[in-house]
PDB file of N, CA and C in Angstrom:
ATOM      1  N   UNK A   1      76.201  97.936  73.172  1.00  0.00           N
ATOM      2  CA  UNK A   1      76.332  96.469  73.137  1.00  0.00           C
ATOM      3  C   UNK A   1      75.077  95.856  73.734  1.00  0.00           C
ATOM      4  N   UNK A   2      74.618  94.803  73.098  1.00  0.00           N
ATOM      5  CA  UNK A   2      73.492  94.122  73.675  1.00  0.00           C
ATOM      6  C   UNK A   2      73.937  93.112  74.701  1.00  0.00           C
ATOM      7  N   UNK A   3      73.025  92.406  75.342  1.00  0.00           N
ATOM      8  CA  UNK A   3      73.342  91.521  76.411  1.00  0.00           C
ATOM      9  C   UNK A   3      74.267  90.376  76.008  1.00  0.00           C
ATOM     10  N   UNK A   4      74.059  89.780  74.865  1.00  0.00           N
ATOM     11  CA  UNK A   4      74.862  88.673  74.425  1.00  0.00           C
ATOM     12  C   UNK A   4      76.283  89.135  74.118  1.00  0.00           C
ATOM     13  N   UNK A   5      76.441  90.323  73.532  1.00  0.00           N
ATOM     14  CA  UNK A   5      77.785  90.855  73.301  1.00  0.00           C
ATOM     15  C   UNK A   5      78.512  91.143  74.595  1.00  0.00           C
ATOM     16  N   UNK A   6      77.804  91.656  75.570  1.00  0.00           N
ATOM     17  CA  UNK A   6      78.401  91.949  76.865  1.00  0.00           C
ATOM     18  C   UNK A   6      78.834  90.609  77.546  1.00  0.00           C
ATOM     19  N   UNK A   7      78.014  89.562  77.444  1.00  0.00           N
ATOM     20  CA  UNK A   7      78.316  88.263  78.023  1.00  0.00           C
ATOM     21  C   UNK A   7      79.519  87.687  77.350  1.00  0.00           C
ATOM     22  N   UNK A   8      79.619  87.767  76.031  1.00  0.00           N
ATOM     23  CA  UNK A   8      80.797  87.241  75.320  1.00  0.00           C
ATOM     24  C   UNK A   8      82.043  88.024  75.708  1.00  0.00           C
ATOM     25  N   UNK A   9      81.941  89.347  75.819  1.00  0.00           N
ATOM     26  CA  UNK A   9      83.114  90.170  76.165  1.00  0.00           C
ATOM     27  C   UNK A   9      83.604  89.827  77.577  1.00  0.00           C
ATOM     28  N   UNK A  10      82.701  89.738  78.532  1.00  0.00           N
ATOM     29  CA  UNK A  10      83.083  89.386  79.918  1.00  0.00           C
ATOM     30  C   UNK A  10      83.629  87.971  79.980  1.00  0.00           C
ATOM     31  N   UNK A  11      83.079  87.040  79.269  1.00  0.00           N
ATOM     32  CA  UNK A  11      83.550  85.663  79.227  1.00  0.00           C
ATOM     33  C   UNK A  11      84.953  85.601  78.677  1.00  0.00           C
ATOM     34  N   UNK A  12      85.261  86.346  77.629  1.00  0.00           N
ATOM     35  CA  UNK A  12      86.587  86.391  77.045  1.00  0.00           C
ATOM     36  C   UNK A  12      87.586  87.000  78.011  1.00  0.00           C
ATOM     37  N   UNK A  13      87.173  88.025  78.726  1.00  0.00           N
ATOM     38  CA  UNK A  13      88.079  88.644  79.716  1.00  0.00           C
ATOM     39  C   UNK A  13      88.346  87.688  80.851  1.00  0.00           C
ATOM     40  N   UNK A  14      87.339  86.952  81.302  1.00  0.00           N
ATOM     41  CA  UNK A  14      87.504  85.954  82.366  1.00  0.00           C
ATOM     42  C   UNK A  14      88.479  84.881  81.924  1.00  0.00           C
ATOM     43  N   UNK A  15      88.232  84.369  80.693  1.00  0.00           N
ATOM     44  CA  UNK A  15      89.139  83.297  80.164  1.00  0.00           C
ATOM     45  C   UNK A  15      90.565  83.792  80.065  1.00  0.00           C
ATOM     46  N   UNK A  16      90.762  84.984  79.531  1.00  0.00           N
ATOM     47  CA  UNK A  16      92.069  85.506  79.374  1.00  0.00           C
ATOM     48  C   UNK A  16      92.779  85.670  80.700  1.00  0.00           C
ATOM     49  N   UNK A  17      92.068  86.173  81.710  1.00  0.00           N
ATOM     50  CA  UNK A  17      92.622  86.354  83.071  1.00  0.00           C
ATOM     51  C   UNK A  17      93.000  84.998  83.666  1.00  0.00           C
ATOM     52  N   UNK A  18      92.086  84.045  83.635  1.00  0.00           N
ATOM     53  CA  UNK A  18      92.358  82.723  84.226  1.00  0.00           C
ATOM     54  C   UNK A  18      93.504  82.037  83.483  1.00  0.00           C
ATOM     55  N   UNK A  19      93.498  82.101  82.150  1.00  0.00           N
ATOM     56  CA  UNK A  19      94.560  81.493  81.327  1.00  0.00           C
ATOM     57  C   UNK A  19      95.955  82.026  81.670  1.00  0.00           C
ATOM     58  N   UNK A  20      96.047  83.367  81.791  1.00  0.00           N
ATOM     59  CA  UNK A  20      97.336  83.944  82.096  1.00  0.00           C
ATOM     60  C   UNK A  20      97.766  83.725  83.541  1.00  0.00           C
ATOM     61  N   UNK A  21      96.824  83.510  84.426  1.00  0.00           N
ATOM     62  CA  UNK A  21      97.168  83.165  85.812  1.00  0.00           C
ATOM     63  C   UNK A  21      97.713  81.774  85.921  1.00  0.00           C
ATOM     64  N   UNK A  22      97.154  80.818  85.163  1.00  0.00           N
ATOM     65  CA  UNK A  22      97.560  79.444  85.297  1.00  0.00           C
ATOM     66  C   UNK A  22      98.683  79.028  84.321  1.00  0.00           C
ATOM     67  N   UNK A  23      98.961  79.862  83.345  1.00  0.00           N
ATOM     68  CA  UNK A  23      99.982  79.552  82.311  1.00  0.00           C
ATOM     69  C   UNK A  23     101.382  79.285  82.911  1.00  0.00           C
ATOM     70  N   UNK A  24     101.849  80.076  83.847  1.00  0.00           N
ATOM     71  CA  UNK A  24     103.154  79.801  84.451  1.00  0.00           C
ATOM     72  C   UNK A  24     103.247  78.400  85.103  1.00  0.00           C
ATOM     73  N   UNK A  25     102.175  77.989  85.730  1.00  0.00           N
ATOM     74  CA  UNK A  25     102.174  76.669  86.384  1.00  0.00           C
ATOM     75  C   UNK A  25     102.174  75.533  85.387  1.00  0.00           C
ATOM     76  N   UNK A  26     101.551  75.811  84.246  1.00  0.00           N
ATOM     77  CA  UNK A  26     101.572  74.814  83.180  1.00  0.00           C
ATOM     78  C   UNK A  26     102.915  74.770  82.453  1.00  0.00           C
ATOM     79  N   UNK A  27     103.478  75.910  82.197  1.00  0.00           N
ATOM     80  CA  UNK A  27     104.697  75.989  81.444  1.00  0.00           C
ATOM     81  C   UNK A  27     105.940  75.564  82.279  1.00  0.00           C
ATOM     82  N   UNK A  28     105.901  75.838  83.567  1.00  0.00           N
ATOM     83  CA  UNK A  28     107.057  75.528  84.449  1.00  0.00           C
ATOM     84  C   UNK A  28     106.594  74.725  85.643  1.00  0.00           C
ATOM     85  N   UNK A  29     106.420  73.437  85.463  1.00  0.00           N
ATOM     86  CA  UNK A  29     105.977  72.594  86.590  1.00  0.00           C
ATOM     87  C   UNK A  29     107.030  72.555  87.674  1.00  0.00           C
ATOM     88  N   UNK A  30     106.585  72.154  88.899  1.00  0.00           N
ATOM     89  CA  UNK A  30     107.439  72.175  90.099  1.00  0.00           C
ATOM     90  C   UNK A  30     108.623  71.282  89.935  1.00  0.00           C
ATOM     91  N   UNK A  31     108.462  70.123  89.303  1.00  0.00           N
ATOM     92  CA  UNK A  31     109.512  69.117  89.279  1.00  0.00           C
ATOM     93  C   UNK A  31     110.604  69.399  88.240  1.00  0.00           C
ATOM     94  N   UNK A  32     110.407  70.445  87.418  1.00  0.00           N
ATOM     95  CA  UNK A  32     111.410  70.792  86.399  1.00  0.00           C
ATOM     96  C   UNK A  32     112.113  72.096  86.800  1.00  0.00           C
ATOM     97  N   UNK A  33     113.387  72.213  86.487  1.00  0.00           N
ATOM     98  CA  UNK A  33     114.123  73.492  86.793  1.00  0.00           C
ATOM     99  C   UNK A  33     113.632  74.619  85.902  1.00  0.00           C
ATOM    100  N   UNK A  34     113.647  75.792  86.402  1.00  0.00           N
ATOM    101  CA  UNK A  34     113.237  76.980  85.590  1.00  0.00           C
ATOM    102  C   UNK A  34     114.373  77.317  84.649  1.00  0.00           C
ATOM    103  N   UNK A  35     114.053  77.558  83.366  1.00  0.00           N
ATOM    104  CA  UNK A  35     115.097  77.895  82.407  1.00  0.00           C
ATOM    105  C   UNK A  35     115.889  79.160  82.839  1.00  0.00           C
ATOM    106  N   UNK A  36     117.194  79.190  82.465  1.00  0.00           N
ATOM    107  CA  UNK A  36     118.011  80.290  82.862  1.00  0.00           C
ATOM    108  C   UNK A  36     117.538  81.643  82.291  1.00  0.00           C
ATOM    109  N   UNK A  37     116.984  81.619  81.093  1.00  0.00           N
ATOM    110  CA  UNK A  37     116.482  82.896  80.519  1.00  0.00           C
ATOM    111  C   UNK A  37     115.375  83.475  81.311  1.00  0.00           C
ATOM    112  N   UNK A  38     114.480  82.613  81.831  1.00  0.00           N
ATOM    113  CA  UNK A  38     113.378  83.079  82.685  1.00  0.00           C
ATOM    114  C   UNK A  38     113.857  83.651  83.968  1.00  0.00           C
ATOM    115  N   UNK A  39     114.839  82.981  84.566  1.00  0.00           N
ATOM    116  CA  UNK A  39     115.461  83.520  85.782  1.00  0.00           C
ATOM    117  C   UNK A  39     116.088  84.883  85.552  1.00  0.00           C
ATOM    118  N   UNK A  40     116.813  84.946  84.420  1.00  0.00           N
ATOM    119  CA  UNK A  40     117.469  86.221  84.065  1.00  0.00           C
ATOM    120  C   UNK A  40     116.441  87.348  83.882  1.00  0.00           C
ATOM    121  N   UNK A  41     115.384  87.046  83.135  1.00  0.00           N
ATOM    122  CA  UNK A  41     114.365  88.083  82.935  1.00  0.00           C
ATOM    123  C   UNK A  41     113.684  88.454  84.231  1.00  0.00           C
ATOM    124  N   UNK A  42     113.443  87.507  85.107  1.00  0.00           N
ATOM    125  CA  UNK A  42     112.840  87.767  86.407  1.00  0.00           C
ATOM    126  C   UNK A  42     113.675  88.708  87.256  1.00  0.00           C
ATOM    127  N   UNK A  43     115.014  88.639  87.029  1.00  0.00           N
ATOM    128  CA  UNK A  43     115.897  89.517  87.825  1.00  0.00           C
ATOM    129  C   UNK A  43     115.980  90.887  87.198  1.00  0.00           C
ATOM    130  N   UNK A  44     115.893  91.010  85.848  1.00  0.00           N
ATOM    131  CA  UNK A  44     116.170  92.289  85.213  1.00  0.00           C
ATOM    132  C   UNK A  44     114.930  93.110  84.891  1.00  0.00           C
ATOM    133  N   UNK A  45     113.803  92.475  84.581  1.00  0.00           N
ATOM    134  CA  UNK A  45     112.615  93.196  84.146  1.00  0.00           C
ATOM    135  C   UNK A  45     112.021  94.173  85.115  1.00  0.00           C
ATOM    136  N   UNK A  46     112.065  93.859  86.488  1.00  0.00           N
ATOM    137  CA  UNK A  46     111.496  94.864  87.371  1.00  0.00           C
ATOM    138  C   UNK A  46     112.232  96.216  87.301  1.00  0.00           C
ATOM    139  N   UNK A  47     113.566  96.154  87.144  1.00  0.00           N
ATOM    140  CA  UNK A  47     114.309  97.399  87.052  1.00  0.00           C
ATOM    141  C   UNK A  47     114.023  98.120  85.738  1.00  0.00           C
ATOM    142  N   UNK A  48     113.862  97.376  84.656  1.00  0.00           N
ATOM    143  CA  UNK A  48     113.523  97.971  83.394  1.00  0.00           C
ATOM    144  C   UNK A  48     112.126  98.612  83.412  1.00  0.00           C
ATOM    145  N   UNK A  49     111.196  97.960  84.105  1.00  0.00           N
ATOM    146  CA  UNK A  49     109.828  98.469  84.197  1.00  0.00           C
ATOM    147  C   UNK A  49     109.861  99.770  85.018  1.00  0.00           C
ATOM    148  N   UNK A  50     110.592  99.834  86.094  1.00  0.00           N
ATOM    149  CA  UNK A  50     110.672 101.060  86.907  1.00  0.00           C
ATOM    150  C   UNK A  50     111.302 102.175  86.101  1.00  0.00           C
ATOM    151  N   UNK A  51     112.337 101.838  85.332  1.00  0.00           N
ATOM    152  CA  UNK A  51     112.962 102.895  84.510  1.00  0.00           C
ATOM    153  C   UNK A  51     111.966 103.441  83.460  1.00  0.00           C
ATOM    154  N   UNK A  52     111.199 102.563  82.877  1.00  0.00           N
ATOM    155  CA  UNK A  52     110.208 103.036  81.879  1.00  0.00           C
ATOM    156  C   UNK A  52     109.154 103.870  82.608  1.00  0.00           C
ATOM    157  N   UNK A  53     108.762 103.559  83.777  1.00  0.00           N
ATOM    158  CA  UNK A  53     107.764 104.321  84.524  1.00  0.00           C
ATOM    159  C   UNK A  53     108.289 105.689  84.820  1.00  0.00           C
ATOM    160  N   UNK A  54     109.544 105.823  85.239  1.00  0.00           N
ATOM    161  CA  UNK A  54     110.134 107.103  85.502  1.00  0.00           C
ATOM    162  C   UNK A  54     110.208 107.974  84.224  1.00  0.00           C
ATOM    163  N   UNK A  55     110.634 107.354  83.132  1.00  0.00           N
ATOM    164  CA  UNK A  55     110.704 108.087  81.846  1.00  0.00           C
ATOM    165  C   UNK A  55     109.293 108.538  81.450  1.00  0.00           C
ATOM    166  N   UNK A  56     108.291 107.650  81.602  1.00  0.00           N
ATOM    167  CA  UNK A  56     106.901 108.033  81.239  1.00  0.00           C
ATOM    168  C   UNK A  56     106.414 109.186  82.101  1.00  0.00           C
ATOM    169  N   UNK A  57     106.722 109.107  83.392  1.00  0.00           N
ATOM    170  CA  UNK A  57     106.216 110.137  84.335  1.00  0.00           C
ATOM    171  C   UNK A  57     106.882 111.500  84.056  1.00  0.00           C
ATOM    172  N   UNK A  58     108.104 111.478  83.573  1.00  0.00           N
ATOM    173  CA  UNK A  58     108.803 112.750  83.327  1.00  0.00           C
ATOM    174  C   UNK A  58     108.787 113.229  81.908  1.00  0.00           C
ATOM    175  N   UNK A  59     108.085 112.520  81.009  1.00  0.00           N
ATOM    176  CA  UNK A  59     108.169 112.861  79.576  1.00  0.00           C
ATOM    177  C   UNK A  59     107.568 114.251  79.270  1.00  0.00           C
ATOM    178  N   UNK A  60     106.624 114.708  80.055  1.00  0.00           N
ATOM    179  CA  UNK A  60     105.991 116.019  79.732  1.00  0.00           C
ATOM    180  C   UNK A  60     106.571 117.118  80.597  1.00  0.00           C
ATOM    181  N   UNK A  61     107.695 116.887  81.284  1.00  0.00           N
ATOM    182  CA  UNK A  61     108.281 117.939  82.101  1.00  0.00           C
ATOM    183  C   UNK A  61     108.904 118.981  81.190  1.00  0.00           C
ATOM    184  N   UNK A  62     108.513 120.246  81.416  1.00  0.00           N
ATOM    185  CA  UNK A  62     109.029 121.354  80.609  1.00  0.00           C
ATOM    186  C   UNK A  62     110.199 121.982  81.324  1.00  0.00           C
ATOM    187  N   UNK A  63     111.382 121.795  80.755  1.00  0.00           N
ATOM    188  CA  UNK A  63     112.605 122.357  81.348  1.00  0.00           C
ATOM    189  C   UNK A  63     112.866 123.792  80.958  1.00  0.00           C
ATOM    190  N   UNK A  64     112.104 124.286  79.982  1.00  0.00           N
ATOM    191  CA  UNK A  64     112.327 125.653  79.519  1.00  0.00           C
ATOM    192  C   UNK A  64     111.303 126.654  80.061  1.00  0.00           C
ATOM    193  N   UNK A  65     110.360 126.135  80.861  1.00  0.00           N
ATOM    194  CA  UNK A  65     109.337 127.052  81.455  1.00  0.00           C
ATOM    195  C   UNK A  65     109.387 126.919  82.976  1.00  0.00           C
ATOM    196  N   UNK A  66     108.967 127.938  83.637  1.00  0.00           N
ATOM    197  CA  UNK A  66     108.990 127.938  85.090  1.00  0.00           C
ATOM    198  C   UNK A  66     108.027 126.891  85.587  1.00  0.00           C
ATOM    199  N   UNK A  67     108.346 126.091  86.541  1.00  0.00           N
ATOM    200  CA  UNK A  67     109.465 126.061  87.477  1.00  0.00           C
ATOM    201  C   UNK A  67     110.660 125.203  87.008  1.00  0.00           C
ATOM    202  N   UNK A  68     110.824 125.008  85.722  1.00  0.00           N
ATOM    203  CA  UNK A  68     112.000 124.366  85.093  1.00  0.00           C
ATOM    204  C   UNK A  68     112.274 122.946  85.565  1.00  0.00           C
ATOM    205  N   UNK A  69     111.204 122.255  85.918  1.00  0.00           N
ATOM    206  CA  UNK A  69     111.363 120.862  86.370  1.00  0.00           C
ATOM    207  C   UNK A  69     111.806 120.686  87.775  1.00  0.00           C
ATOM    208  N   UNK A  70     111.889 121.775  88.522  1.00  0.00           N
ATOM    209  CA  UNK A  70     112.363 121.717  89.934  1.00  0.00           C
ATOM    210  C   UNK A  70     111.405 120.942  90.836  1.00  0.00           C
ATOM    211  N   UNK A  71     110.110 121.063  90.568  1.00  0.00           N
ATOM    212  CA  UNK A  71     109.132 120.315  91.367  1.00  0.00           C
ATOM    213  C   UNK A  71     109.330 118.827  91.181  1.00  0.00           C
ATOM    214  N   UNK A  72     109.479 118.408  89.931  1.00  0.00           N
ATOM    215  CA  UNK A  72     109.708 116.988  89.681  1.00  0.00           C
ATOM    216  C   UNK A  72     111.010 116.518  90.285  1.00  0.00           C
ATOM    217  N   UNK A  73     112.083 117.295  90.129  1.00  0.00           N
ATOM    218  CA  UNK A  73     113.399 116.952  90.688  1.00  0.00           C
ATOM    219  C   UNK A  73     113.314 116.813  92.198  1.00  0.00           C
ATOM    220  N   UNK A  74     112.676 117.770  92.827  1.00  0.00           N
ATOM    221  CA  UNK A  74     112.550 117.730  94.288  1.00  0.00           C
ATOM    222  C   UNK A  74     111.760 116.485  94.734  1.00  0.00           C
ATOM    223  N   UNK A  75     110.683 116.200  94.023  1.00  0.00           N
ATOM    224  CA  UNK A  75     109.817 115.049  94.379  1.00  0.00           C
ATOM    225  C   UNK A  75     110.598 113.775  94.197  1.00  0.00           C
ATOM    226  N   UNK A  76     111.338 113.637  93.091  1.00  0.00           N
ATOM    227  CA  UNK A  76     112.190 112.471  92.889  1.00  0.00           C
ATOM    228  C   UNK A  76     113.236 112.322  93.999  1.00  0.00           C
ATOM    229  N   UNK A  77     113.773 113.442  94.407  1.00  0.00           N
ATOM    230  CA  UNK A  77     114.795 113.404  95.485  1.00  0.00           C
ATOM    231  C   UNK A  77     114.143 112.931  96.773  1.00  0.00           C
ATOM    232  N   UNK A  78     112.961 113.389  97.075  1.00  0.00           N
ATOM    233  CA  UNK A  78     112.230 112.929  98.317  1.00  0.00           C
ATOM    234  C   UNK A  78     112.032 111.417  98.205  1.00  0.00           C
ATOM    235  N   UNK A  79     111.603 110.931  97.045  1.00  0.00           N
ATOM    236  CA  UNK A  79     111.371 109.493  96.893  1.00  0.00           C
ATOM    237  C   UNK A  79     112.650 108.712  97.108  1.00  0.00           C
ATOM    238  N   UNK A  80     113.741 109.218  96.495  1.00  0.00           N
ATOM    239  CA  UNK A  80     115.031 108.458  96.631  1.00  0.00           C
ATOM    240  C   UNK A  80     115.517 108.473  98.073  1.00  0.00           C
ATOM    241  N   UNK A  81     115.447 109.627  98.742  1.00  0.00           N
ATOM    242  CA  UNK A  81     115.932 109.732 100.125  1.00  0.00           C
ATOM    243  C   UNK A  81     115.109 108.883 101.063  1.00  0.00           C
ATOM    244  N   UNK A  82     113.809 108.958 100.992  1.00  0.00           N
ATOM    245  CA  UNK A  82     112.966 108.196 101.903  1.00  0.00           C
ATOM    246  C   UNK A  82     113.104 106.709 101.629  1.00  0.00           C
ATOM    247  N   UNK A  83     113.242 106.312 100.338  1.00  0.00           N
ATOM    248  CA  UNK A  83     113.417 104.901 100.050  1.00  0.00           C
ATOM    249  C   UNK A  83     114.748 104.396 100.532  1.00  0.00           C
ATOM    250  N   UNK A  84     115.786 105.196 100.408  1.00  0.00           N
ATOM    251  CA  UNK A  84     117.067 104.772 100.935  1.00  0.00           C
ATOM    252  C   UNK A  84     117.075 104.723 102.451  1.00  0.00           C
ATOM    253  N   UNK A  85     116.346 105.640 103.097  1.00  0.00           N
ATOM    254  CA  UNK A  85     116.286 105.695 104.516  1.00  0.00           C
ATOM    255  C   UNK A  85     115.448 104.568 105.114  1.00  0.00           C
ATOM    256  N   UNK A  86     114.228 104.414 104.613  1.00  0.00           N
ATOM    257  CA  UNK A  86     113.285 103.431 105.191  1.00  0.00           C
ATOM    258  C   UNK A  86     113.171 102.125 104.438  1.00  0.00           C
ATOM    259  N   UNK A  87     113.618 102.108 103.162  1.00  0.00           N
ATOM    260  CA  UNK A  87     113.498 100.938 102.304  1.00  0.00           C
ATOM    261  C   UNK A  87     112.045 100.444 102.224  1.00  0.00           C
ATOM    262  N   UNK A  88     111.166 101.356 102.078  1.00  0.00           N
ATOM    263  CA  UNK A  88     109.736 101.076 101.988  1.00  0.00           C
ATOM    264  C   UNK A  88     109.193 101.720 100.730  1.00  0.00           C
ATOM    265  N   UNK A  89     108.836 100.877  99.757  1.00  0.00           N
ATOM    266  CA  UNK A  89     108.403 101.410  98.463  1.00  0.00           C
ATOM    267  C   UNK A  89     107.136 102.241  98.579  1.00  0.00           C
ATOM    268  N   UNK A  90     106.146 101.750  99.248  1.00  0.00           N
ATOM    269  CA  UNK A  90     104.860 102.476  99.342  1.00  0.00           C
ATOM    270  C   UNK A  90     105.054 103.832 100.080  1.00  0.00           C
ATOM    271  N   UNK A  91     105.851 103.827 101.164  1.00  0.00           N
ATOM    272  CA  UNK A  91     106.066 105.036 101.862  1.00  0.00           C
ATOM    273  C   UNK A  91     106.824 106.067 101.017  1.00  0.00           C
ATOM    274  N   UNK A  92     107.798 105.632 100.295  1.00  0.00           N
ATOM    275  CA  UNK A  92     108.565 106.583  99.457  1.00  0.00           C
ATOM    276  C   UNK A  92     107.744 107.159  98.337  1.00  0.00           C
ATOM    277  N   UNK A  93     106.955 106.312  97.663  1.00  0.00           N
ATOM    278  CA  UNK A  93     106.151 106.745  96.567  1.00  0.00           C
ATOM    279  C   UNK A  93     105.051 107.678  97.066  1.00  0.00           C
ATOM    280  N   UNK A  94     104.418 107.335  98.141  1.00  0.00           N
ATOM    281  CA  UNK A  94     103.336 108.186  98.708  1.00  0.00           C
ATOM    282  C   UNK A  94     103.912 109.540  99.137  1.00  0.00           C
ATOM    283  N   UNK A  95     105.083 109.515  99.744  1.00  0.00           N
ATOM    284  CA  UNK A  95     105.697 110.769 100.149  1.00  0.00           C
ATOM    285  C   UNK A  95     106.006 111.662  98.937  1.00  0.00           C
ATOM    286  N   UNK A  96     106.578 111.052  97.880  1.00  0.00           N
ATOM    287  CA  UNK A  96     106.873 111.778  96.661  1.00  0.00           C
ATOM    288  C   UNK A  96     105.644 112.376  96.031  1.00  0.00           C
ATOM    289  N   UNK A  97     104.560 111.629  96.004  1.00  0.00           N
ATOM    290  CA  UNK A  97     103.283 112.118  95.425  1.00  0.00           C
ATOM    291  C   UNK A  97     102.751 113.258  96.217  1.00  0.00           C
ATOM    292  N   UNK A  98     102.782 113.133  97.570  1.00  0.00           N
ATOM    293  CA  UNK A  98     102.295 114.221  98.404  1.00  0.00           C
ATOM    294  C   UNK A  98     103.087 115.468  98.217  1.00  0.00           C
ATOM    295  N   UNK A  99     104.418 115.342  98.177  1.00  0.00           N
ATOM    296  CA  UNK A  99     105.291 116.490  97.976  1.00  0.00           C
ATOM    297  C   UNK A  99     105.000 117.094  96.592  1.00  0.00           C
ATOM    298  N   UNK A 100     104.924 116.272  95.572  1.00  0.00           N
ATOM    299  CA  UNK A 100     104.648 116.787  94.209  1.00  0.00           C
ATOM    300  C   UNK A 100     103.323 117.516  94.130  1.00  0.00           C
ATOM    301  N   UNK A 101     102.252 116.925  94.663  1.00  0.00           N
ATOM    302  CA  UNK A 101     100.923 117.604  94.618  1.00  0.00           C
ATOM    303  C   UNK A 101     100.908 118.849  95.411  1.00  0.00           C
ATOM    304  N   UNK A 102     101.611 118.843  96.562  1.00  0.00           N
ATOM    305  CA  UNK A 102     101.648 120.055  97.390  1.00  0.00           C
ATOM    306  C   UNK A 102     102.341 121.190  96.640  1.00  0.00           C
ATOM    307  N   UNK A 103     103.473 120.870  96.008  1.00  0.00           N
ATOM    308  CA  UNK A 103     104.253 121.916  95.305  1.00  0.00           C
ATOM    309  C   UNK A 103     103.550 122.383  94.014  1.00  0.00           C
ATOM    310  N   UNK A 104     103.005 121.434  93.267  1.00  0.00           N
ATOM    311  CA  UNK A 104     102.447 121.812  91.961  1.00  0.00           C
ATOM    312  C   UNK A 104     101.137 122.609  92.113  1.00  0.00           C
ATOM    313  N   UNK A 105     100.423 122.347  93.210  1.00  0.00           N
ATOM    314  CA  UNK A 105      99.161 123.069  93.404  1.00  0.00           C
ATOM    315  C   UNK A 105      99.334 124.328  94.278  1.00  0.00           C
ATOM    316  N   UNK A 106     100.536 124.555  94.753  1.00  0.00           N
ATOM    317  CA  UNK A 106     100.811 125.798  95.531  1.00  0.00           C
ATOM    318  C   UNK A 106     100.109 125.784  96.875  1.00  0.00           C
ATOM    319  N   UNK A 107     100.033 124.600  97.510  1.00  0.00           N
ATOM    320  CA  UNK A 107      99.354 124.543  98.826  1.00  0.00           C
ATOM    321  C   UNK A 107     100.182 125.058  99.966  1.00  0.00           C
ATOM    322  N   UNK A 108     101.458 125.310  99.700  1.00  0.00           N
ATOM    323  CA  UNK A 108     102.290 125.894 100.783  1.00  0.00           C
ATOM    324  C   UNK A 108     102.857 127.232 100.304  1.00  0.00           C
TER     325      UNK A 108
END
């Protein structure tokens, strides 16, 4: 890409980012109530997104080959237990990742 193409590309990305950041404030002003469908989606979509992330993370797990998905199951269990215990998302995810990497690489 030459310089003008790079400038156009970066400008379009900046415009898209700024537009999507300000769009909610334009679509839903402070003095108007938020539509019920938006409130409903705001309550439900985070759980749907987390479910999709779990499915995506586990899609390549081989249940017919050693270790038969036990590493993934154990790591998910660690995430669930620590999240239930401490209710801290970052701590539970970091702990699960550390356990997974430790087990999958045979560091213990």
